[in-house]
Amino acid sequence: MIKIEITTIQLEKSIVNALKEAREYPRQTYNELIKNMLKVFKSTRSKNQYDEFLHKIQQAKMQELWDNKEDEIWETI
C-alpha cells in the first residue's frame, strides 16, 4: 500500500478565497487545484526560457541590421 504524507500549511484568508474562486468545479480539492496550477506554471516558465533564448539569439542579428553606416547616411539626408 502506498503511504501518502499530508501536511498542513498556513495561508492568508485572501489566498484561500482566491483558490476557492479558481476551482474548476465545486468539489475540487486544493491539492488538485495546486497540482494543476504547478503544471501550468512549469510549462509557462519553460516556454518563457525558450522565448528569452530566441530573443538573445536575435539581438545580435538585429544589432547588425540596424547599426550600419548605410542607415546612418540616410538619417542625415
PDB file of N, CA and C in Angstrom:
ATOM      1  N   MET A   1       0.840  -1.175   0.000  1.00  0.00           N
ATOM      2  CA  MET A   1       0.000   0.000   0.000  1.00  0.00           C
ATOM      3  C   MET A   1       0.896   1.253   0.000  1.00  0.00           C
ATOM      4  N   ILE A   2       0.528   2.244  -0.802  1.00  0.00           N
ATOM      5  CA  ILE A   2       1.283   3.489  -0.907  1.00  0.00           C
ATOM      6  C   ILE A   2       0.853   4.423   0.213  1.00  0.00           C
ATOM      7  N   LYS A   3       1.843   4.919   0.943  1.00  0.00           N
ATOM      8  CA  LYS A   3       1.566   5.852   2.027  1.00  0.00           C
ATOM      9  C   LYS A   3       1.676   7.272   1.493  1.00  0.00           C
ATOM     10  N   ILE A   4       0.614   8.040   1.632  1.00  0.00           N
ATOM     11  CA  ILE A   4       0.601   9.435   1.200  1.00  0.00           C
ATOM     12  C   ILE A   4       0.795  10.307   2.428  1.00  0.00           C
ATOM     13  N   GLU A   5       1.831  11.115   2.394  1.00  0.00           N
ATOM     14  CA  GLU A   5       2.091  12.025   3.508  1.00  0.00           C
ATOM     15  C   GLU A   5       1.333  13.326   3.278  1.00  0.00           C
ATOM     16  N   ILE A   6       0.690  13.805   4.305  1.00  0.00           N
ATOM     17  CA  ILE A   6      -0.107  15.030   4.219  1.00  0.00           C
ATOM     18  C   ILE A   6       0.442  16.033   5.226  1.00  0.00           C
ATOM     19  N   THR A   7       0.518  17.300   4.788  1.00  0.00           N
ATOM     20  CA  THR A   7       0.991  18.364   5.668  1.00  0.00           C
ATOM     21  C   THR A   7      -0.084  19.421   5.822  1.00  0.00           C
ATOM     22  N   THR A   8       0.131  20.292   6.753  1.00  0.00           N
ATOM     23  CA  THR A   8      -0.747  21.446   6.956  1.00  0.00           C
ATOM     24  C   THR A   8       0.085  22.689   6.673  1.00  0.00           C
ATOM     25  N   ILE A   9      -0.429  23.545   5.821  1.00  0.00           N
ATOM     26  CA  ILE A   9       0.278  24.797   5.538  1.00  0.00           C
ATOM     27  C   ILE A   9      -0.618  25.967   5.921  1.00  0.00           C
ATOM     28  N   GLN A  10      -0.006  27.068   6.294  1.00  0.00           N
ATOM     29  CA  GLN A  10      -0.759  28.259   6.650  1.00  0.00           C
ATOM     30  C   GLN A  10      -0.839  29.181   5.448  1.00  0.00           C
ATOM     31  N   LEU A  11      -2.050  29.613   5.135  1.00  0.00           N
ATOM     32  CA  LEU A  11      -2.272  30.533   4.025  1.00  0.00           C
ATOM     33  C   LEU A  11      -3.099  31.713   4.521  1.00  0.00           C
ATOM     34  N   GLU A  12      -2.864  32.852   3.895  1.00  0.00           N
ATOM     35  CA  GLU A  12      -3.698  34.014   4.193  1.00  0.00           C
ATOM     36  C   GLU A  12      -5.116  33.724   3.720  1.00  0.00           C
ATOM     37  N   LYS A  13      -6.107  34.291   4.414  1.00  0.00           N
ATOM     38  CA  LYS A  13      -7.517  34.079   4.041  1.00  0.00           C
ATOM     39  C   LYS A  13      -7.768  34.513   2.599  1.00  0.00           C
ATOM     40  N   SER A  14      -7.109  35.587   2.177  1.00  0.00           N
ATOM     41  CA  SER A  14      -7.318  36.076   0.812  1.00  0.00           C
ATOM     42  C   SER A  14      -6.846  35.042  -0.219  1.00  0.00           C
ATOM     43  N   ILE A  15      -5.782  34.300   0.107  1.00  0.00           N
ATOM     44  CA  ILE A  15      -5.282  33.260  -0.795  1.00  0.00           C
ATOM     45  C   ILE A  15      -6.270  32.108  -0.856  1.00  0.00           C
ATOM     46  N   VAL A  16      -6.813  31.727   0.300  1.00  0.00           N
ATOM     47  CA  VAL A  16      -7.798  30.646   0.340  1.00  0.00           C
ATOM     48  C   VAL A  16      -9.024  31.040  -0.479  1.00  0.00           C
ATOM     49  N   ASN A  17      -9.462  32.289  -0.343  1.00  0.00           N
ATOM     50  CA  ASN A  17     -10.618  32.753  -1.120  1.00  0.00           C
ATOM     51  C   ASN A  17     -10.312  32.745  -2.618  1.00  0.00           C
ATOM     52  N   ALA A  18      -9.097  33.150  -2.980  1.00  0.00           N
ATOM     53  CA  ALA A  18      -8.710  33.136  -4.396  1.00  0.00           C
ATOM     54  C   ALA A  18      -8.673  31.702  -4.927  1.00  0.00           C
ATOM     55  N   LEU A  19      -8.195  30.771  -4.107  1.00  0.00           N
ATOM     56  CA  LEU A  19      -8.184  29.360  -4.519  1.00  0.00           C
ATOM     57  C   LEU A  19      -9.609  28.843  -4.713  1.00  0.00           C
ATOM     58  N   LYS A  20     -10.507  29.231  -3.821  1.00  0.00           N
ATOM     59  CA  LYS A  20     -11.911  28.815  -3.956  1.00  0.00           C
ATOM     60  C   LYS A  20     -12.492  29.311  -5.283  1.00  0.00           C
ATOM     61  N   GLU A  21     -12.173  30.553  -5.631  1.00  0.00           N
ATOM     62  CA  GLU A  21     -12.685  31.135  -6.874  1.00  0.00           C
ATOM     63  C   GLU A  21     -12.059  30.490  -8.107  1.00  0.00           C
ATOM     64  N   ALA A  22     -10.853  29.952  -7.973  1.00  0.00           N
ATOM     65  CA  ALA A  22     -10.137  29.381  -9.110  1.00  0.00           C
ATOM     66  C   ALA A  22     -10.519  27.931  -9.395  1.00  0.00           C
ATOM     67  N   ARG A  23     -11.305  27.334  -8.537  1.00  0.00           N
ATOM     68  CA  ARG A  23     -11.690  25.931  -8.730  1.00  0.00           C
ATOM     69  C   ARG A  23     -12.399  25.735 -10.065  1.00  0.00           C
ATOM     70  N   GLU A  24     -12.116  24.586 -10.687  1.00  0.00           N
ATOM     71  CA  GLU A  24     -12.781  24.242 -11.945  1.00  0.00           C
ATOM     72  C   GLU A  24     -14.162  23.671 -11.697  1.00  0.00           C
ATOM     73  N   TYR A  25     -14.359  23.046 -10.550  1.00  0.00           N
ATOM     74  CA  TYR A  25     -15.657  22.522 -10.154  1.00  0.00           C
ATOM     75  C   TYR A  25     -15.742  22.598  -8.625  1.00  0.00           C
ATOM     76  N   PRO A  26     -16.955  22.677  -8.061  1.00  0.00           N
ATOM     77  CA  PRO A  26     -17.117  22.958  -6.628  1.00  0.00           C
ATOM     78  C   PRO A  26     -16.401  22.003  -5.672  1.00  0.00           C
ATOM     79  N   ARG A  27     -16.309  20.736  -5.983  1.00  0.00           N
ATOM     80  CA  ARG A  27     -15.706  19.785  -5.057  1.00  0.00           C
ATOM     81  C   ARG A  27     -14.229  19.519  -5.341  1.00  0.00           C
ATOM     82  N   GLN A  28     -13.637  20.312  -6.199  1.00  0.00           N
ATOM     83  CA  GLN A  28     -12.213  20.150  -6.491  1.00  0.00           C
ATOM     84  C   GLN A  28     -11.411  20.471  -5.234  1.00  0.00           C
ATOM     85  N   THR A  29     -10.475  19.602  -4.910  1.00  0.00           N
ATOM     86  CA  THR A  29      -9.668  19.829  -3.707  1.00  0.00           C
ATOM     87  C   THR A  29      -8.582  20.858  -3.998  1.00  0.00           C
ATOM     88  N   TYR A  30      -8.095  21.481  -2.922  1.00  0.00           N
ATOM     89  CA  TYR A  30      -6.984  22.411  -3.081  1.00  0.00           C
ATOM     90  C   TYR A  30      -5.761  21.687  -3.622  1.00  0.00           C
ATOM     91  N   ASN A  31      -5.580  20.447  -3.221  1.00  0.00           N
ATOM     92  CA  ASN A  31      -4.455  19.646  -3.691  1.00  0.00           C
ATOM     93  C   ASN A  31      -4.497  19.500  -5.217  1.00  0.00           C
ATOM     94  N   GLU A  32      -5.670  19.150  -5.751  1.00  0.00           N
ATOM     95  CA  GLU A  32      -5.823  19.022  -7.207  1.00  0.00           C
ATOM     96  C   GLU A  32      -5.591  20.369  -7.899  1.00  0.00           C
ATOM     97  N   LEU A  33      -6.175  21.397  -7.326  1.00  0.00           N
ATOM     98  CA  LEU A  33      -6.062  22.735  -7.911  1.00  0.00           C
ATOM     99  C   LEU A  33      -4.605  23.192  -7.954  1.00  0.00           C
ATOM    100  N   ILE A  34      -3.891  23.015  -6.859  1.00  0.00           N
ATOM    101  CA  ILE A  34      -2.495  23.443  -6.800  1.00  0.00           C
ATOM    102  C   ILE A  34      -1.633  22.609  -7.740  1.00  0.00           C
ATOM    103  N   LYS A  35      -1.909  21.308  -7.851  1.00  0.00           N
ATOM    104  CA  LYS A  35      -1.173  20.462  -8.810  1.00  0.00           C
ATOM    105  C   LYS A  35      -1.335  21.006 -10.224  1.00  0.00           C
ATOM    106  N   ASN A  36      -2.571  21.339 -10.606  1.00  0.00           N
ATOM    107  CA  ASN A  36      -2.827  21.884 -11.945  1.00  0.00           C
ATOM    108  C   ASN A  36      -2.136  23.223 -12.147  1.00  0.00           C
ATOM    109  N   MET A  37      -2.171  24.059 -11.121  1.00  0.00           N
ATOM    110  CA  MET A  37      -1.508  25.366 -11.218  1.00  0.00           C
ATOM    111  C   MET A  37      -0.001  25.195 -11.398  1.00  0.00           C
ATOM    112  N   LEU A  38       0.587  24.238 -10.703  1.00  0.00           N
ATOM    113  CA  LEU A  38       2.022  23.989 -10.834  1.00  0.00           C
ATOM    114  C   LEU A  38       2.379  23.504 -12.243  1.00  0.00           C
ATOM    115  N   LYS A  39       1.533  22.643 -12.821  1.00  0.00           N
ATOM    116  CA  LYS A  39       1.778  22.183 -14.196  1.00  0.00           C
ATOM    117  C   LYS A  39       1.800  23.365 -15.156  1.00  0.00           C
ATOM    118  N   VAL A  40       0.818  24.245 -15.016  1.00  0.00           N
ATOM    119  CA  VAL A  40       0.736  25.421 -15.892  1.00  0.00           C
ATOM    120  C   VAL A  40       1.934  26.331 -15.664  1.00  0.00           C
ATOM    121  N   PHE A  41       2.302  26.553 -14.417  1.00  0.00           N
ATOM    122  CA  PHE A  41       3.442  27.405 -14.088  1.00  0.00           C
ATOM    123  C   PHE A  41       4.729  26.862 -14.693  1.00  0.00           C
ATOM    124  N   LYS A  42       4.975  25.567 -14.524  1.00  0.00           N
ATOM    125  CA  LYS A  42       6.197  24.962 -15.055  1.00  0.00           C
ATOM    126  C   LYS A  42       6.235  25.033 -16.575  1.00  0.00           C
ATOM    127  N   SER A  43       5.105  24.784 -17.207  1.00  0.00           N
ATOM    128  CA  SER A  43       5.027  24.851 -18.667  1.00  0.00           C
ATOM    129  C   SER A  43       5.301  26.268 -19.159  1.00  0.00           C
ATOM    130  N   THR A  44       4.688  27.238 -18.510  1.00  0.00           N
ATOM    131  CA  THR A  44       4.866  28.641 -18.893  1.00  0.00           C
ATOM    132  C   THR A  44       6.309  29.080 -18.687  1.00  0.00           C
ATOM    133  N   ARG A  45       6.889  28.674 -17.571  1.00  0.00           N
ATOM    134  CA  ARG A  45       8.274  29.053 -17.282  1.00  0.00           C
ATOM    135  C   ARG A  45       9.218  28.494 -18.333  1.00  0.00           C
ATOM    136  N   SER A  46       9.017  27.245 -18.742  1.00  0.00           N
ATOM    137  CA  SER A  46       9.905  26.663 -19.757  1.00  0.00           C
ATOM    138  C   SER A  46       9.711  27.347 -21.103  1.00  0.00           C
ATOM    139  N   LYS A  47       8.485  27.740 -21.434  1.00  0.00           N
ATOM    140  CA  LYS A  47       8.237  28.470 -22.687  1.00  0.00           C
ATOM    141  C   LYS A  47       8.903  29.831 -22.645  1.00  0.00           C
ATOM    142  N   ASN A  48       8.845  30.508 -21.489  1.00  0.00           N
ATOM    143  CA  ASN A  48       9.475  31.818 -21.353  1.00  0.00           C
ATOM    144  C   ASN A  48      10.986  31.719 -21.509  1.00  0.00           C
ATOM    145  N   GLN A  49      11.577  30.651 -20.992  1.00  0.00           N
ATOM    146  CA  GLN A  49      13.017  30.471 -21.148  1.00  0.00           C
ATOM    147  C   GLN A  49      13.362  30.299 -22.618  1.00  0.00           C
ATOM    148  N   TYR A  50      12.530  29.582 -23.363  1.00  0.00           N
ATOM    149  CA  TYR A  50      12.756  29.398 -24.791  1.00  0.00           C
ATOM    150  C   TYR A  50      12.650  30.739 -25.513  1.00  0.00           C
ATOM    151  N   ASP A  51      11.636  31.530 -25.159  1.00  0.00           N
ATOM    152  CA  ASP A  51      11.461  32.848 -25.776  1.00  0.00           C
ATOM    153  C   ASP A  51      12.652  33.758 -25.486  1.00  0.00           C
ATOM    154  N   GLU A  52      13.145  33.723 -24.253  1.00  0.00           N
ATOM    155  CA  GLU A  52      14.315  34.534 -23.895  1.00  0.00           C
ATOM    156  C   GLU A  52      15.537  34.085 -24.692  1.00  0.00           C
ATOM    157  N   PHE A  53      15.693  32.784 -24.877  1.00  0.00           N
ATOM    158  CA  PHE A  53      16.800  32.240 -25.655  1.00  0.00           C
ATOM    159  C   PHE A  53      16.729  32.757 -27.094  1.00  0.00           C
ATOM    160  N   LEU A  54      15.552  32.687 -27.702  1.00  0.00           N
ATOM    161  CA  LEU A  54      15.385  33.189 -29.075  1.00  0.00           C
ATOM    162  C   LEU A  54      15.661  34.686 -29.154  1.00  0.00           C
ATOM    163  N   HIS A  55      15.199  35.416 -28.164  1.00  0.00           N
ATOM    164  CA  HIS A  55      15.405  36.859 -28.154  1.00  0.00           C
ATOM    165  C   HIS A  55      16.898  37.187 -28.124  1.00  0.00           C
ATOM    166  N   LYS A  56      17.651  36.472 -27.307  1.00  0.00           N
ATOM    167  CA  LYS A  56      19.097  36.723 -27.222  1.00  0.00           C
ATOM    168  C   LYS A  56      19.796  36.413 -28.543  1.00  0.00           C
ATOM    169  N   ILE A  57      19.369  35.343 -29.196  1.00  0.00           N
ATOM    170  CA  ILE A  57      19.955  34.993 -30.490  1.00  0.00           C
ATOM    171  C   ILE A  57      19.646  36.081 -31.517  1.00  0.00           C
ATOM    172  N   GLN A  58      18.432  36.588 -31.502  1.00  0.00           N
ATOM    173  CA  GLN A  58      18.017  37.588 -32.483  1.00  0.00           C
ATOM    174  C   GLN A  58      18.655  38.948 -32.233  1.00  0.00           C
ATOM    175  N   GLN A  59      19.018  39.239 -31.003  1.00  0.00           N
ATOM    176  CA  GLN A  59      19.588  40.548 -30.689  1.00  0.00           C
ATOM    177  C   GLN A  59      20.831  40.854 -31.522  1.00  0.00           C
ATOM    178  N   ALA A  60      21.707  39.887 -31.655  1.00  0.00           N
ATOM    179  CA  ALA A  60      22.946  40.126 -32.418  1.00  0.00           C
ATOM    180  C   ALA A  60      22.633  40.459 -33.868  1.00  0.00           C
ATOM    181  N   LYS A  61      21.729  39.718 -34.483  1.00  0.00           N
ATOM    182  CA  LYS A  61      21.375  39.964 -35.883  1.00  0.00           C
ATOM    183  C   LYS A  61      20.690  41.321 -36.036  1.00  0.00           C
ATOM    184  N   MET A  62      19.802  41.660 -35.110  1.00  0.00           N
ATOM    185  CA  MET A  62      19.123  42.951 -35.176  1.00  0.00           C
ATOM    186  C   MET A  62      20.122  44.094 -35.012  1.00  0.00           C
ATOM    187  N   GLN A  63      21.080  43.913 -34.133  1.00  0.00           N
ATOM    188  CA  GLN A  63      22.122  44.925 -33.946  1.00  0.00           C
ATOM    189  C   GLN A  63      22.889  45.130 -35.250  1.00  0.00           C
ATOM    190  N   GLU A  64      23.197  44.023 -35.901  1.00  0.00           N
ATOM    191  CA  GLU A  64      23.923  44.075 -37.178  1.00  0.00           C
ATOM    192  C   GLU A  64      23.095  44.801 -38.239  1.00  0.00           C
ATOM    193  N   LEU A  65      21.817  44.531 -38.290  1.00  0.00           N
ATOM    194  CA  LEU A  65      20.954  45.138 -39.296  1.00  0.00           C
ATOM    195  C   LEU A  65      20.728  46.630 -39.064  1.00  0.00           C
ATOM    196  N   TRP A  66      20.579  47.021 -37.806  1.00  0.00           N
ATOM    197  CA  TRP A  66      20.238  48.394 -37.509  1.00  0.00           C
ATOM    198  C   TRP A  66      21.440  49.307 -37.346  1.00  0.00           C
ATOM    199  N   ASP A  67      22.543  48.796 -36.891  1.00  0.00           N
ATOM    200  CA  ASP A  67      23.723  49.631 -36.671  1.00  0.00           C
ATOM    201  C   ASP A  67      24.702  49.487 -37.834  1.00  0.00           C
ATOM    202  N   ASN A  68      24.399  50.182 -38.914  1.00  0.00           N
ATOM    203  CA  ASN A  68      25.323  50.152 -40.049  1.00  0.00           C
ATOM    204  C   ASN A  68      25.431  51.549 -40.646  1.00  0.00           C
ATOM    205  N   LYS A  69      26.501  51.785 -41.344  1.00  0.00           N
ATOM    206  CA  LYS A  69      26.799  53.113 -41.887  1.00  0.00           C
ATOM    207  C   LYS A  69      25.768  53.559 -42.930  1.00  0.00           C
ATOM    208  N   GLU A  70      25.258  52.610 -43.716  1.00  0.00           N
ATOM    209  CA  GLU A  70      24.293  52.980 -44.761  1.00  0.00           C
ATOM    210  C   GLU A  70      23.050  53.621 -44.152  1.00  0.00           C
ATOM    211  N   ASP A  71      22.562  53.065 -43.058  1.00  0.00           N
ATOM    212  CA  ASP A  71      21.385  53.649 -42.409  1.00  0.00           C
ATOM    213  C   ASP A  71      21.693  55.013 -41.821  1.00  0.00           C
ATOM    214  N   GLU A  72      22.874  55.168 -41.259  1.00  0.00           N
ATOM    215  CA  GLU A  72      23.249  56.444 -40.670  1.00  0.00           C
ATOM    216  C   GLU A  72      23.291  57.542 -41.728  1.00  0.00           C
ATOM    217  N   ILE A  73      23.716  57.224 -42.933  1.00  0.00           N
ATOM    218  CA  ILE A  73      23.759  58.193 -44.032  1.00  0.00           C
ATOM    219  C   ILE A  73      22.350  58.664 -44.364  1.00  0.00           C
ATOM    220  N   TRP A  74      21.396  57.738 -44.406  1.00  0.00           N
ATOM    221  CA  TRP A  74      20.020  58.100 -44.726  1.00  0.00           C
ATOM    222  C   TRP A  74      19.416  59.021 -43.676  1.00  0.00           C
ATOM    223  N   GLU A  75      19.823  58.900 -42.435  1.00  0.00           N
ATOM    224  CA  GLU A  75      19.293  59.748 -41.371  1.00  0.00           C
ATOM    225  C   GLU A  75      19.711  61.205 -41.537  1.00  0.00           C
ATOM    226  N   THR A  76      20.838  61.442 -42.177  1.00  0.00           N
ATOM    227  CA  THR A  76      21.333  62.823 -42.329  1.00  0.00           C
ATOM    228  C   THR A  76      20.840  63.485 -43.600  1.00  0.00           C
ATOM    229  N   ILE A  77      20.177  62.755 -44.460  1.00  0.00           N
ATOM    230  CA  ILE A  77      19.705  63.329 -45.731  1.00  0.00           C
ATOM    231  C   ILE A  77      18.452  64.117 -45.512  1.00  0.00           C
TER     232      ILE A  77
END
